Protein backbone atom coordinates (compact mmCIF):
# COMPACT_ATOMS: atom_id res chain seq x y z
CA MET A 1 -101.91 106.93 -78.85
CA SER A 2 -101.92 105.28 -75.45
CA LEU A 3 -98.81 104.11 -73.63
CA THR A 4 -98.68 100.72 -71.96
CA THR A 5 -95.85 101.34 -69.44
CA GLU A 6 -96.58 100.31 -65.87
CA GLN A 7 -96.01 103.90 -64.52
CA THR A 8 -96.47 107.32 -66.06
CA PRO A 9 -93.45 108.20 -68.23
CA THR A 10 -91.44 111.30 -67.40
CA VAL A 11 -90.18 113.75 -69.96
CA LEU A 12 -87.46 116.28 -69.28
CA ILE A 13 -87.75 119.46 -71.42
CA VAL A 14 -84.53 121.50 -71.73
CA ASP A 15 -84.95 124.86 -73.40
CA ASP A 16 -83.84 128.42 -72.53
CA ASN A 17 -87.04 129.85 -74.04
CA SER A 18 -89.81 130.13 -71.34
CA ALA A 19 -92.51 130.27 -73.99
CA ASN A 20 -91.36 126.97 -75.46
CA LEU A 21 -91.22 125.35 -72.08
CA GLY A 22 -94.78 126.46 -71.28
CA VAL A 23 -96.27 125.28 -74.58
CA LEU A 24 -94.55 121.86 -74.48
CA SER A 25 -95.24 121.32 -70.81
CA ASP A 26 -98.95 121.95 -71.31
CA ALA A 27 -99.16 119.66 -74.35
CA LEU A 28 -97.31 116.75 -72.70
CA ASP A 29 -99.19 117.21 -69.40
CA GLN A 30 -102.53 116.98 -71.23
CA ALA A 31 -101.27 113.71 -72.84
CA GLY A 32 -100.90 112.25 -69.39
CA LEU A 33 -97.11 112.47 -69.11
CA GLU A 34 -94.99 113.66 -66.17
CA VAL A 35 -93.03 116.71 -67.11
CA MET A 36 -89.72 118.12 -65.76
CA VAL A 37 -88.17 121.31 -67.08
CA ALA A 38 -84.64 122.85 -67.22
CA LYS A 39 -83.65 126.16 -68.75
CA SER A 40 -80.04 125.20 -69.56
CA GLY A 41 -77.88 122.16 -70.19
CA LYS A 42 -76.09 122.71 -66.90
CA VAL A 43 -79.37 122.60 -64.93
CA ALA A 44 -80.53 119.54 -66.86
CA LEU A 45 -77.31 117.68 -65.98
CA GLU A 46 -77.83 118.45 -62.30
CA ARG A 47 -81.52 117.48 -62.40
CA VAL A 48 -80.95 114.03 -63.87
CA LYS A 49 -78.73 113.18 -60.86
CA TYR A 50 -81.78 113.10 -58.66
CA ALA A 51 -84.53 111.93 -61.02
CA LEU A 52 -84.01 110.03 -64.20
CA PRO A 53 -86.51 110.92 -66.99
CA ASP A 54 -87.69 108.38 -69.62
CA LEU A 55 -87.05 110.79 -72.51
CA ILE A 56 -85.37 114.23 -72.93
CA LEU A 57 -86.43 117.00 -75.28
CA LEU A 58 -83.29 119.04 -75.72
CA ASP A 59 -82.84 122.44 -77.36
CA VAL A 60 -79.64 122.79 -79.41
CA MET A 61 -78.95 126.50 -79.12
CA MET A 62 -78.50 127.34 -75.43
CA PRO A 63 -76.06 129.51 -73.43
CA GLU A 64 -73.10 128.05 -71.51
CA ILE A 65 -73.48 124.48 -72.69
CA ASP A 66 -75.22 123.85 -75.99
CA GLY A 67 -77.46 120.85 -76.77
CA PHE A 68 -74.72 118.86 -78.53
CA GLU A 69 -72.38 119.03 -75.54
CA THR A 70 -75.17 118.33 -73.09
CA CYS A 71 -76.15 115.26 -75.02
CA ARG A 72 -72.54 114.10 -75.25
CA LEU A 73 -72.26 114.39 -71.44
CA LEU A 74 -75.53 112.53 -70.93
CA LYS A 75 -74.36 109.64 -73.11
CA ALA A 76 -71.02 109.55 -71.35
CA ASN A 77 -72.81 108.93 -68.01
CA PRO A 78 -73.64 105.19 -67.47
CA LYS A 79 -76.83 106.16 -65.61
CA THR A 80 -78.21 108.37 -68.43
CA LYS A 81 -76.65 106.94 -71.53
CA ASP A 82 -79.77 104.91 -72.48
CA ILE A 83 -82.24 107.74 -72.12
CA PRO A 84 -83.54 108.69 -75.61
CA VAL A 85 -82.76 112.33 -76.55
CA ILE A 86 -84.81 114.30 -79.16
CA PHE A 87 -83.24 117.49 -80.37
CA MET A 88 -85.32 120.66 -80.92
CA THR A 89 -83.73 123.20 -83.20
CA ALA A 90 -84.19 125.71 -85.95
CA LEU A 91 -81.04 124.36 -87.54
CA SER A 92 -82.48 122.08 -90.15
CA ASP A 93 -79.39 121.64 -92.34
CA THR A 94 -78.03 118.09 -92.79
CA THR A 95 -74.67 118.87 -91.19
CA ASN A 96 -76.23 119.79 -87.84
CA LYS A 97 -78.61 116.79 -87.95
CA ILE A 98 -75.66 114.41 -88.54
CA ALA A 99 -73.76 116.06 -85.69
CA GLY A 100 -76.80 115.47 -83.44
CA PHE A 101 -77.14 111.82 -84.32
CA GLN A 102 -73.39 111.30 -83.90
CA VAL A 103 -73.57 112.44 -80.22
CA GLY A 104 -76.47 110.08 -79.56
CA ALA A 105 -79.81 111.73 -80.44
CA VAL A 106 -82.63 109.46 -81.61
CA ASP A 107 -84.68 112.10 -83.48
CA TYR A 108 -84.97 115.75 -84.51
CA ILE A 109 -87.89 118.22 -84.16
CA THR A 110 -87.49 121.38 -86.23
CA LYS A 111 -88.68 124.74 -84.88
CA PRO A 112 -91.17 126.16 -85.10
CA PHE A 113 -92.79 122.91 -84.07
CA GLN A 114 -96.29 121.56 -84.18
CA GLN A 115 -97.63 120.23 -80.88
CA GLU A 116 -99.16 117.18 -82.58
CA GLU A 117 -95.81 116.29 -84.20
CA VAL A 118 -93.98 116.72 -80.90
CA LEU A 119 -96.49 114.57 -79.05
CA SER A 120 -96.38 111.87 -81.72
CA ARG A 121 -92.55 111.72 -81.73
CA VAL A 122 -92.41 111.73 -77.95
CA GLN A 123 -94.92 108.90 -77.62
CA LEU A 124 -93.20 106.91 -80.35
CA HIS A 125 -89.77 107.09 -78.69
CA LEU A 126 -91.21 106.42 -75.27
CA LYS A 127 -92.82 103.32 -76.63
CA LEU A 128 -89.51 102.25 -78.29
CA HIS A 129 -87.62 102.94 -75.12
CA ASP A 130 -90.17 101.00 -73.07
CA LEU A 131 -89.91 98.08 -75.43
CA THR A 132 -86.12 98.23 -75.38
CA VAL A 133 -86.05 98.20 -71.56
CA LYS A 134 -88.41 95.24 -71.52
CA LEU A 135 -86.36 93.40 -74.17
CA GLU A 136 -83.22 93.96 -72.16
CA HIS A 137 -84.95 92.70 -69.05
CA LYS A 138 -86.10 89.60 -70.94
CA ASN A 139 -82.60 89.09 -72.34
CA SER A 140 -81.20 89.37 -68.79
CA LEU A 141 -83.70 86.76 -67.61
CA LEU A 142 -82.90 84.55 -70.59
CA GLU A 143 -79.15 84.83 -69.86
CA GLN A 144 -79.85 83.88 -66.30
CA LYS A 145 -81.97 80.89 -67.43
CA VAL A 146 -79.20 79.90 -69.85
CA SER A 147 -76.69 80.09 -67.02
CA GLU A 148 -78.96 78.03 -64.76
CA VAL A 149 -79.48 75.43 -67.50
CA SER A 150 -75.78 75.34 -68.15
CA GLN A 151 -75.11 74.77 -64.48
CA ALA A 152 -77.83 72.14 -64.33
CA TYR A 153 -76.31 70.45 -67.34
CA THR A 154 -72.89 70.43 -65.69
CA ASP A 155 -74.40 69.02 -62.55
CA LEU A 156 -76.20 66.39 -64.57
CA LYS A 157 -73.04 65.38 -66.31
CA ASN A 158 -71.33 64.96 -62.98
CA VAL A 159 -74.21 62.82 -61.75
CA GLN A 160 -74.16 60.76 -64.98
CA ILE A 161 -70.44 60.09 -64.54
CA GLN A 162 -71.17 58.65 -61.10
CA LEU A 163 -74.01 56.54 -62.42
CA ILE A 164 -72.42 55.40 -65.68
CA GLN A 165 -70.58 52.45 -64.10
CA SER A 166 -73.86 50.87 -63.11
CA GLU A 167 -76.04 52.00 -66.02
CA LYS A 168 -73.77 52.05 -69.08
CA LEU A 169 -74.07 48.38 -69.99
CA SER A 170 -77.80 48.23 -69.63
CA SER A 171 -78.48 51.42 -71.54
CA LEU A 172 -76.10 50.51 -74.35
CA GLY A 173 -77.59 47.11 -74.72
CA GLN A 174 -81.14 48.41 -74.78
CA MET A 175 -80.30 51.10 -77.31
CA VAL A 176 -78.53 48.65 -79.65
CA ALA A 177 -81.30 46.11 -79.28
CA GLY A 178 -83.96 48.77 -79.98
CA ILE A 179 -82.17 49.87 -83.16
CA ALA A 180 -81.66 46.32 -84.30
CA HIS A 181 -85.35 45.58 -83.71
CA GLU A 182 -86.55 48.67 -85.57
CA ILE A 183 -84.25 47.95 -88.54
CA ASN A 184 -84.92 44.25 -88.66
CA ASN A 185 -88.61 44.33 -89.74
CA PRO A 186 -88.24 46.70 -92.77
CA VAL A 187 -85.03 45.01 -93.84
CA ASN A 188 -86.68 41.59 -93.80
CA PHE A 189 -89.55 43.03 -95.82
CA ILE A 190 -87.15 44.42 -98.37
CA TYR A 191 -85.02 41.26 -98.48
CA GLY A 192 -88.03 38.98 -98.83
CA ASN A 193 -89.62 41.07 -101.60
CA LEU A 194 -86.38 41.24 -103.56
CA VAL A 195 -86.76 37.57 -104.36
CA HIS A 196 -90.18 38.11 -105.82
CA ALA A 197 -89.05 41.32 -107.62
CA ASN A 198 -86.31 39.35 -109.27
CA GLU A 199 -88.70 36.58 -110.27
CA TYR A 200 -91.18 39.04 -111.71
CA THR A 201 -88.43 40.87 -113.59
CA GLN A 202 -87.31 37.59 -115.13
CA GLU A 203 -90.89 36.81 -116.16
CA VAL A 204 -91.38 40.22 -117.72
CA LEU A 205 -88.07 39.96 -119.59
CA LYS A 206 -89.00 36.47 -120.76
CA LEU A 207 -92.32 37.78 -122.07
CA LEU A 208 -90.57 40.72 -123.73
CA HIS A 209 -88.18 38.38 -125.54
CA LEU A 210 -91.11 36.20 -126.61
CA TYR A 211 -92.81 39.18 -128.16
CA GLN A 212 -89.58 40.08 -129.97
CA GLU A 213 -89.42 36.52 -131.44
CA GLU A 214 -93.10 36.35 -132.49
CA TYR A 215 -93.25 39.92 -133.80
CA PRO A 216 -89.78 40.71 -135.23
CA GLU A 217 -91.18 43.66 -137.19
CA PRO A 218 -92.48 46.17 -134.58
CA THR A 219 -95.05 48.82 -135.36
CA PRO A 220 -93.77 52.32 -136.22
CA ARG A 221 -94.83 53.55 -132.73
CA ILE A 222 -92.94 50.76 -130.98
CA GLN A 223 -89.93 51.24 -133.30
CA ALA A 224 -89.81 54.89 -132.42
CA GLU A 225 -89.78 54.09 -128.70
CA LEU A 226 -87.11 51.42 -129.14
CA GLU A 227 -84.87 53.99 -130.80
CA LEU A 228 -85.17 56.23 -127.73
CA THR A 229 -84.60 53.42 -125.26
CA ASP A 230 -81.47 51.31 -124.85
CA LEU A 231 -83.39 48.12 -124.10
CA GLU A 232 -80.32 45.93 -123.99
CA PHE A 233 -78.63 48.19 -121.41
CA LEU A 234 -81.77 48.47 -119.30
CA GLU A 235 -82.11 44.69 -119.15
CA SER A 236 -78.52 44.19 -118.19
CA ASP A 237 -78.40 47.02 -115.61
CA LEU A 238 -81.71 46.09 -114.08
CA LEU A 239 -80.44 42.60 -113.19
CA LYS A 240 -77.23 44.12 -111.76
CA LEU A 241 -79.27 46.59 -109.77
CA LEU A 242 -81.44 43.83 -108.22
CA ASN A 243 -78.26 41.84 -107.37
CA SER A 244 -76.74 44.91 -105.69
CA MET A 245 -79.91 45.52 -103.72
CA ASN A 246 -79.94 41.86 -102.63
CA PHE A 247 -76.31 42.10 -101.51
CA GLY A 248 -76.97 45.31 -99.59
CA ALA A 249 -80.05 43.84 -97.86
CA ARG A 250 -77.99 40.73 -96.82
CA ARG A 251 -75.28 43.02 -95.44
CA ILE A 252 -77.76 44.98 -93.37
CA ARG A 253 -79.25 41.70 -91.96
CA GLU A 254 -75.74 40.66 -90.94
CA ILE A 255 -75.18 43.93 -89.19
CA VAL A 256 -78.53 43.71 -87.46
CA ARG A 257 -77.68 40.17 -86.32
CA SER A 258 -74.36 41.37 -84.95
CA MET A 259 -76.06 44.21 -83.08
CA ARG A 260 -78.54 41.79 -81.50
CA ILE A 261 -75.70 39.48 -80.49
CA PHE A 262 -73.86 42.50 -79.01
CA SER A 263 -76.80 43.69 -77.00
CA ARG A 264 -78.22 40.32 -75.87
CA THR A 265 -80.90 42.00 -73.78
CA ASP A 266 -82.37 38.61 -73.08
CA ASP A 267 -79.10 37.42 -71.50
CA ALA A 268 -79.24 39.22 -68.18
CA ASN A 269 -78.19 35.95 -66.52
CA LEU A 270 -75.24 33.70 -67.00
CA THR A 271 -75.41 31.95 -70.38
CA GLU A 272 -73.05 29.69 -72.37
CA THR A 273 -71.65 32.09 -74.89
CA ASP A 274 -69.58 31.85 -78.10
CA ILE A 275 -66.64 34.23 -77.44
CA HIS A 276 -65.86 34.43 -81.14
CA GLU A 277 -69.43 35.46 -81.90
CA CYS A 278 -69.07 38.24 -79.31
CA LEU A 279 -65.85 39.45 -80.89
CA GLU A 280 -67.34 39.38 -84.42
CA GLY A 281 -70.40 41.32 -83.26
CA THR A 282 -68.22 43.98 -81.71
CA LEU A 283 -66.09 44.25 -84.77
CA THR A 284 -69.16 44.70 -86.88
CA ILE A 285 -70.32 47.59 -84.66
CA LEU A 286 -66.89 49.19 -84.95
CA ASN A 287 -66.41 48.41 -88.65
CA TYR A 288 -67.07 52.02 -89.63
CA ARG A 289 -64.02 53.14 -87.63
CA LEU A 290 -61.82 50.48 -89.14
CA LYS A 291 -62.45 51.41 -92.70
CA GLN A 292 -60.27 53.83 -94.68
CA LYS A 293 -61.43 57.45 -94.55
CA SER A 294 -60.16 60.72 -95.95
CA ASP A 295 -58.39 61.62 -92.74
CA HIS A 296 -56.92 58.25 -91.85
CA PRO A 297 -56.07 54.89 -93.52
CA ALA A 298 -57.79 51.58 -92.88
CA ILE A 299 -56.94 49.57 -89.78
CA ALA A 300 -56.36 45.86 -90.52
CA VAL A 301 -57.84 43.27 -88.15
CA ILE A 302 -55.86 40.00 -87.98
CA LYS A 303 -57.81 37.16 -86.43
CA ASP A 304 -56.16 34.05 -84.98
CA TYR A 305 -59.02 32.22 -83.31
CA GLY A 306 -58.36 29.00 -81.45
CA LEU A 307 -60.85 26.25 -80.73
CA LEU A 308 -62.91 27.43 -77.78
CA PRO A 309 -65.88 25.75 -76.10
CA PRO A 310 -68.87 27.89 -74.99
CA VAL A 311 -67.93 30.07 -72.01
CA GLU A 312 -70.38 30.64 -69.13
CA CYS A 313 -70.57 34.39 -68.71
CA TYR A 314 -72.67 37.57 -68.77
CA ALA A 315 -72.53 38.07 -72.54
CA VAL A 316 -73.55 41.71 -72.56
CA GLN A 317 -70.86 42.63 -70.07
CA ILE A 318 -68.15 40.64 -71.98
CA ASN A 319 -69.20 42.42 -75.16
CA GLN A 320 -68.63 45.74 -73.38
CA VAL A 321 -65.16 44.67 -72.32
CA PHE A 322 -64.25 43.93 -75.97
CA MET A 323 -65.83 47.20 -77.06
CA ASN A 324 -63.76 49.23 -74.56
CA ILE A 325 -60.47 47.50 -75.47
CA LEU A 326 -60.97 47.65 -79.23
CA SER A 327 -62.23 51.29 -79.11
CA ASN A 328 -59.12 52.28 -77.22
CA ALA A 329 -56.93 50.50 -79.68
CA ILE A 330 -58.55 52.25 -82.65
CA ASP A 331 -58.17 55.65 -80.82
CA ALA A 332 -54.49 54.97 -80.22
CA LEU A 333 -53.88 53.99 -83.81
CA ASP A 334 -55.75 56.97 -85.21
CA GLU A 335 -53.68 59.37 -83.13
CA TYR A 336 -50.50 57.50 -84.05
CA ASP A 337 -51.20 57.74 -87.76
CA LYS A 338 -51.79 61.48 -87.47
CA GLN A 339 -48.17 61.84 -86.28
CA ARG A 340 -46.69 59.66 -89.04
CA SER A 341 -45.97 60.33 -92.68
CA LEU A 342 -47.63 58.35 -95.49
CA ALA A 343 -44.38 56.54 -96.12
CA GLU A 344 -44.15 55.47 -92.49
CA ILE A 345 -47.78 54.28 -92.53
CA HIS A 346 -47.26 52.27 -95.69
CA GLN A 347 -44.09 50.71 -94.27
CA LYS A 348 -45.92 49.76 -90.98
CA PRO A 349 -49.75 49.76 -91.54
CA SER A 350 -51.88 50.03 -88.47
CA SER A 351 -53.39 46.75 -87.36
CA ILE A 352 -55.12 44.98 -84.48
CA LYS A 353 -54.49 41.34 -83.84
CA ILE A 354 -57.02 39.16 -81.93
CA HIS A 355 -55.83 35.80 -80.67
CA THR A 356 -57.92 33.36 -78.60
CA LYS A 357 -56.81 30.11 -77.05
CA MET A 358 -57.39 27.69 -74.25
CA ILE A 359 -54.78 28.13 -71.48
CA SER A 360 -55.91 25.14 -69.39
CA ASP A 361 -58.78 22.70 -69.24
CA ASP A 362 -61.12 25.32 -67.79
CA TRP A 363 -59.72 28.74 -68.72
CA VAL A 364 -59.68 30.74 -71.99
CA ALA A 365 -57.58 33.76 -72.94
CA ILE A 366 -58.36 36.57 -75.36
CA HIS A 367 -55.39 38.59 -76.59
CA ILE A 368 -56.18 41.98 -78.29
CA ALA A 369 -52.97 43.75 -79.49
CA ASP A 370 -52.29 46.84 -81.57
CA ASN A 371 -49.09 47.93 -83.24
CA GLY A 372 -49.47 51.55 -82.05
CA PRO A 373 -47.08 53.79 -80.08
CA GLY A 374 -47.39 51.84 -76.85
CA ILE A 375 -48.07 53.07 -73.32
CA PRO A 376 -45.47 54.41 -70.87
CA PRO A 377 -45.01 52.42 -67.60
CA GLU A 378 -46.29 55.31 -65.42
CA VAL A 379 -49.56 55.38 -67.38
CA GLN A 380 -49.97 51.60 -67.36
CA ALA A 381 -49.95 51.69 -63.57
CA LYS A 382 -53.12 53.80 -63.61
CA LEU A 383 -54.98 52.28 -66.55
CA PHE A 384 -57.69 50.51 -64.49
CA GLU A 385 -58.24 53.39 -62.01
CA PRO A 386 -61.68 55.04 -62.25
CA PHE A 387 -61.75 58.45 -64.13
CA PHE A 388 -58.16 58.11 -65.23
CA THR A 389 -57.78 59.04 -68.94
CA THR A 390 -55.05 60.25 -71.23
CA LYS A 391 -57.57 61.56 -73.75
CA PRO A 392 -58.34 65.27 -74.14
CA ALA A 393 -61.25 66.78 -72.27
CA GLY A 394 -64.53 65.65 -73.75
CA LYS A 395 -63.02 62.61 -75.47
CA GLY A 396 -63.42 60.10 -72.67
CA THR A 397 -64.57 59.73 -69.07
CA GLY A 398 -61.86 57.40 -67.87
CA LEU A 399 -64.34 54.70 -66.95
CA GLY A 400 -63.96 52.26 -69.89
CA LEU A 401 -61.09 50.18 -68.56
CA SER A 402 -62.20 50.58 -64.92
CA ILE A 403 -65.54 49.06 -65.90
CA SER A 404 -63.82 46.31 -67.94
CA HIS A 405 -61.64 45.45 -64.92
CA GLN A 406 -64.69 45.24 -62.66
CA ILE A 407 -66.54 43.00 -65.21
CA VAL A 408 -63.69 40.61 -65.76
CA VAL A 409 -62.32 40.41 -62.18
CA ASP A 410 -65.38 40.94 -59.93
CA LYS A 411 -68.18 39.56 -62.07
CA HIS A 412 -66.34 36.65 -63.74
CA GLY A 413 -63.45 35.89 -61.38
CA GLY A 414 -61.00 36.41 -64.24
CA HIS A 415 -57.96 38.51 -64.93
CA ILE A 416 -57.24 41.46 -67.23
CA THR A 417 -53.72 42.71 -67.85
CA CYS A 418 -51.90 45.10 -70.10
CA LYS A 419 -48.49 44.53 -71.73
CA SER A 420 -46.85 47.46 -73.48
CA SER A 421 -43.85 49.62 -73.82
CA PRO A 422 -43.23 52.69 -75.97
CA GLY A 423 -42.77 51.88 -79.64
CA THR A 424 -43.87 48.23 -79.43
CA GLY A 425 -47.70 48.51 -79.34
CA THR A 426 -50.12 47.49 -76.63
CA GLU A 427 -51.69 44.14 -75.74
CA PHE A 428 -54.56 43.51 -73.41
CA ILE A 429 -55.07 39.96 -72.16
CA VAL A 430 -58.40 38.83 -70.80
CA LYS A 431 -58.54 35.49 -69.01
CA ILE A 432 -61.88 34.02 -67.77
CA PRO A 433 -62.91 30.58 -66.59
CA LEU A 434 -65.22 28.35 -68.60
CA GLN A 435 -67.60 27.94 -65.69
CA GLN A 436 -68.56 30.42 -62.97
CA THR A 437 -68.54 29.27 -59.39
CA VAL A 438 -71.29 30.21 -56.94
CA SER A 439 -69.00 32.57 -55.00
CA GLN A 440 -67.95 34.41 -58.15
CA VAL A 441 -71.49 34.93 -59.27
CA ALA A 442 -72.51 36.19 -55.84
């Protein structure tokens, strides 16, 4: 058996019998191993201070310090604790073997020993030790790589936070538009074919009824099949199933349409936009958070839309403003409901009210209000500051309202304000002009 270690392994033989030392030394030397010898446990402990062997063959019965105590001391030393120890002894009873394993031995060789057995066991444990060392080295390298990747990930997150204000809108819009596009084709295929499936089903059922009228007495084979099949139920349930599939396909088409309205990747420039359409698209995207779930009740949305003309704006950015405000309102109501009893929730259900109106001939206002716990004055003063957030770590970056303020004020020459006090809910008011002036756009 050949060893694959990069340098010749060293074996320390510890035995007070000179004859044993000579025989073992010759056998291991002929196998290409480096050999060190010690005639007592005390000498062995001194020798390993200057040169660490790769394996130790250790006699149990020795004067001064026996093999068990020598092994215990070796395993107590951080420098020698990982060196494999093989006991050599004439004590073959189970009790002594267990005692040896308990102090850290990896194997036993019973005297009188055979050279071939000793060599095989030594080579085996040297190989295992070599593989263990290599594995530990690889684990160390892996831990280092994991640490480096973790640090790189942390650095990347910090960079992303710095870039998010300029990239968030574009990335979100492209993602939503891509999802909408991928869903749209198969949904249209399903929706279009459901019409034909319904027509074909009606034709088949019509033909079946005609057969029943023309041949009221079925053959024995058909009669046996009819007894196994509830034909009347199948006919009724099949039509219901097709109607349900048609309703589901229509619902998916509506969601896809809302997603495309929300993303508006083709509206990178100023366009005349239906504000109510933007609000509806955003509500559709957030609908899953408004529905009742096992851990929180439904959040009602009360709409009070006024008559608004088209508004010249960057539609994608206005959608993002609505998304940020409505998401924050839902977060606040979810946390509020966790602190309330069911009776309190039933008495005052969570709700969000959206009110739109003209406030002059050339300005519109969008009011989004929740009936949650409200915001303290000291927090309101910092709401639109970058990186300010009251959410726990990992729940928010503190950029949502800062970005919204930049979009409304800097990009559209409008105003965004917050009205709130503890216990009365929170209302955000967005005001933007119907038309953008050249200076505002620039």
